[in-house]
């Protein structure tokens, strides 16, 4: 049983006019500044690049975040799985 942690099944990204973004399935905001926001989602790490980015509303209870600013790109990354592979590769060298 999870201790107070909500389990999310879906992740959605809604972009409105390239300057308002709502993302569901968010587990944590790792870091942010006006050019880059790094999130951890149920589907892996996510990096949002843009200009004048601002995390306006973060609700980890329901796993949603609202971001404003000009969005230039959104990318998923699998840092967790790639780092696990490197560690196992080093062990079996």
C-alpha atoms as a PDB file:
ATOM      1  CA  UNK A   1       0.000   0.000   0.000  1.00  0.00           C
ATOM      2  CA  UNK A   2       1.320   3.448  -0.854  1.00  0.00           C
ATOM      3  CA  UNK A   3       1.679   5.894   1.990  1.00  0.00           C
ATOM      4  CA  UNK A   4      -0.385   8.922   0.974  1.00  0.00           C
ATOM      5  CA  UNK A   5       0.946   8.842  -2.577  1.00  0.00           C
ATOM      6  CA  UNK A   6      -1.578   9.167  -5.384  1.00  0.00           C
ATOM      7  CA  UNK A   7      -1.056   6.768  -8.285  1.00  0.00           C
ATOM      8  CA  UNK A   8      -1.643   8.378 -11.677  1.00  0.00           C
ATOM      9  CA  UNK A   9      -2.540   6.290 -14.718  1.00  0.00           C
ATOM     10  CA  UNK A  10      -2.542   8.899 -17.484  1.00  0.00           C
ATOM     11  CA  UNK A  11      -0.464  11.831 -18.479  1.00  0.00           C
ATOM     12  CA  UNK A  12      -1.764  14.652 -20.664  1.00  0.00           C
ATOM     13  CA  UNK A  13      -0.182  17.783 -22.057  1.00  0.00           C
ATOM     14  CA  UNK A  14      -2.446  20.659 -23.095  1.00  0.00           C
ATOM     15  CA  UNK A  15      -0.831  23.572 -24.922  1.00  0.00           C
ATOM     16  CA  UNK A  16      -2.886  26.682 -25.605  1.00  0.00           C
ATOM     17  CA  UNK A  17      -1.511  29.256 -28.056  1.00  0.00           C
ATOM     18  CA  UNK A  18       2.032  28.133 -27.250  1.00  0.00           C
ATOM     19  CA  UNK A  19       2.016  30.211 -24.056  1.00  0.00           C
ATOM     20  CA  UNK A  20      -0.136  28.251 -21.589  1.00  0.00           C
ATOM     21  CA  UNK A  21       0.631  24.619 -20.745  1.00  0.00           C
ATOM     22  CA  UNK A  22      -1.196  22.252 -18.411  1.00  0.00           C
ATOM     23  CA  UNK A  23       0.448  18.911 -17.665  1.00  0.00           C
ATOM     24  CA  UNK A  24      -1.101  16.062 -15.682  1.00  0.00           C
ATOM     25  CA  UNK A  25       0.672  13.027 -14.243  1.00  0.00           C
ATOM     26  CA  UNK A  26       3.378  15.192 -12.664  1.00  0.00           C
ATOM     27  CA  UNK A  27       5.209  13.702  -9.701  1.00  0.00           C
ATOM     28  CA  UNK A  28       7.654  16.539  -8.993  1.00  0.00           C
ATOM     29  CA  UNK A  29       9.203  19.734 -10.368  1.00  0.00           C
ATOM     30  CA  UNK A  30      12.944  19.154 -10.096  1.00  0.00           C
ATOM     31  CA  UNK A  31      14.084  22.624 -11.161  1.00  0.00           C
ATOM     32  CA  UNK A  32      12.961  25.652 -13.104  1.00  0.00           C
ATOM     33  CA  UNK A  33      14.046  29.033 -14.360  1.00  0.00           C
ATOM     34  CA  UNK A  34      12.686  31.336 -17.047  1.00  0.00           C
ATOM     35  CA  UNK A  35      14.225  29.246 -19.867  1.00  0.00           C
ATOM     36  CA  UNK A  36      13.978  25.634 -18.656  1.00  0.00           C
ATOM     37  CA  UNK A  37      11.623  23.601 -16.478  1.00  0.00           C
ATOM     38  CA  UNK A  38      12.559  20.037 -15.512  1.00  0.00           C
ATOM     39  CA  UNK A  39       9.723  17.799 -14.322  1.00  0.00           C
ATOM     40  CA  UNK A  40       9.420  14.204 -13.215  1.00  0.00           C
ATOM     41  CA  UNK A  41       6.265  12.593 -14.597  1.00  0.00           C
ATOM     42  CA  UNK A  42       4.745   9.135 -14.576  1.00  0.00           C
ATOM     43  CA  UNK A  43       6.163   8.651 -18.085  1.00  0.00           C
ATOM     44  CA  UNK A  44       9.714   9.751 -17.223  1.00  0.00           C
ATOM     45  CA  UNK A  45      11.636  12.978 -17.010  1.00  0.00           C
ATOM     46  CA  UNK A  46      10.408  15.955 -19.017  1.00  0.00           C
ATOM     47  CA  UNK A  47      12.221  19.123 -20.034  1.00  0.00           C
ATOM     48  CA  UNK A  48      10.352  22.208 -21.204  1.00  0.00           C
ATOM     49  CA  UNK A  49      12.364  24.884 -23.009  1.00  0.00           C
ATOM     50  CA  UNK A  50      11.142  28.389 -23.704  1.00  0.00           C
ATOM     51  CA  UNK A  51      11.239  32.051 -22.794  1.00  0.00           C
ATOM     52  CA  UNK A  52       9.770  33.721 -19.728  1.00  0.00           C
ATOM     53  CA  UNK A  53       8.566  30.382 -18.322  1.00  0.00           C
ATOM     54  CA  UNK A  54       6.776  30.461 -14.992  1.00  0.00           C
ATOM     55  CA  UNK A  55       5.298  27.655 -12.889  1.00  0.00           C
ATOM     56  CA  UNK A  56       1.987  29.252 -11.992  1.00  0.00           C
ATOM     57  CA  UNK A  57       0.102  26.451 -10.277  1.00  0.00           C
ATOM     58  CA  UNK A  58       1.583  23.193  -8.979  1.00  0.00           C
ATOM     59  CA  UNK A  59      -0.716  20.680  -7.329  1.00  0.00           C
ATOM     60  CA  UNK A  60       1.047  17.424  -6.481  1.00  0.00           C
ATOM     61  CA  UNK A  61      -2.106  16.066  -4.827  1.00  0.00           C
ATOM     62  CA  UNK A  62      -3.756  15.679  -8.234  1.00  0.00           C
ATOM     63  CA  UNK A  63      -0.496  15.661 -10.222  1.00  0.00           C
ATOM     64  CA  UNK A  64      -0.995  18.791 -12.311  1.00  0.00           C
ATOM     65  CA  UNK A  65       1.087  21.820 -13.161  1.00  0.00           C
ATOM     66  CA  UNK A  66       0.230  24.981 -15.095  1.00  0.00           C
ATOM     67  CA  UNK A  67       3.005  26.809 -16.888  1.00  0.00           C
ATOM     68  CA  UNK A  68       2.942  30.175 -18.634  1.00  0.00           C
ATOM     69  CA  UNK A  69       5.462  31.713 -21.030  1.00  0.00           C
ATOM     70  CA  UNK A  70       6.535  31.032 -24.602  1.00  0.00           C
ATOM     71  CA  UNK A  71       7.095  27.288 -25.112  1.00  0.00           C
ATOM     72  CA  UNK A  72       9.767  26.378 -27.674  1.00  0.00           C
ATOM     73  CA  UNK A  73       9.924  22.650 -27.001  1.00  0.00           C
ATOM     74  CA  UNK A  74       8.981  19.749 -24.759  1.00  0.00           C
ATOM     75  CA  UNK A  75      11.102  16.601 -24.554  1.00  0.00           C
ATOM     76  CA  UNK A  76      10.980  13.398 -22.535  1.00  0.00           C
ATOM     77  CA  UNK A  77      14.179  11.890 -21.214  1.00  0.00           C
ATOM     78  CA  UNK A  78      14.843   8.562 -19.581  1.00  0.00           C
ATOM     79  CA  UNK A  79      17.643   9.586 -17.244  1.00  0.00           C
ATOM     80  CA  UNK A  80      16.683   6.953 -14.672  1.00  0.00           C
ATOM     81  CA  UNK A  81      16.819   4.024 -17.084  1.00  0.00           C
ATOM     82  CA  UNK A  82      19.981   5.225 -18.869  1.00  0.00           C
ATOM     83  CA  UNK A  83      21.837   5.690 -15.573  1.00  0.00           C
ATOM     84  CA  UNK A  84      20.785   2.220 -14.424  1.00  0.00           C
ATOM     85  CA  UNK A  85      22.206   0.777 -17.641  1.00  0.00           C
ATOM     86  CA  UNK A  86      25.523   2.578 -17.140  1.00  0.00           C
ATOM     87  CA  UNK A  87      25.842   1.272 -13.590  1.00  0.00           C
ATOM     88  CA  UNK A  88      25.128  -2.311 -14.631  1.00  0.00           C
ATOM     89  CA  UNK A  89      27.554  -1.922 -17.552  1.00  0.00           C
ATOM     90  CA  UNK A  90      30.303  -0.809 -15.161  1.00  0.00           C
ATOM     91  CA  UNK A  91      29.666  -3.730 -12.833  1.00  0.00           C
ATOM     92  CA  UNK A  92      30.016  -6.315 -15.605  1.00  0.00           C
ATOM     93  CA  UNK A  93      33.116  -4.812 -17.315  1.00  0.00           C
END
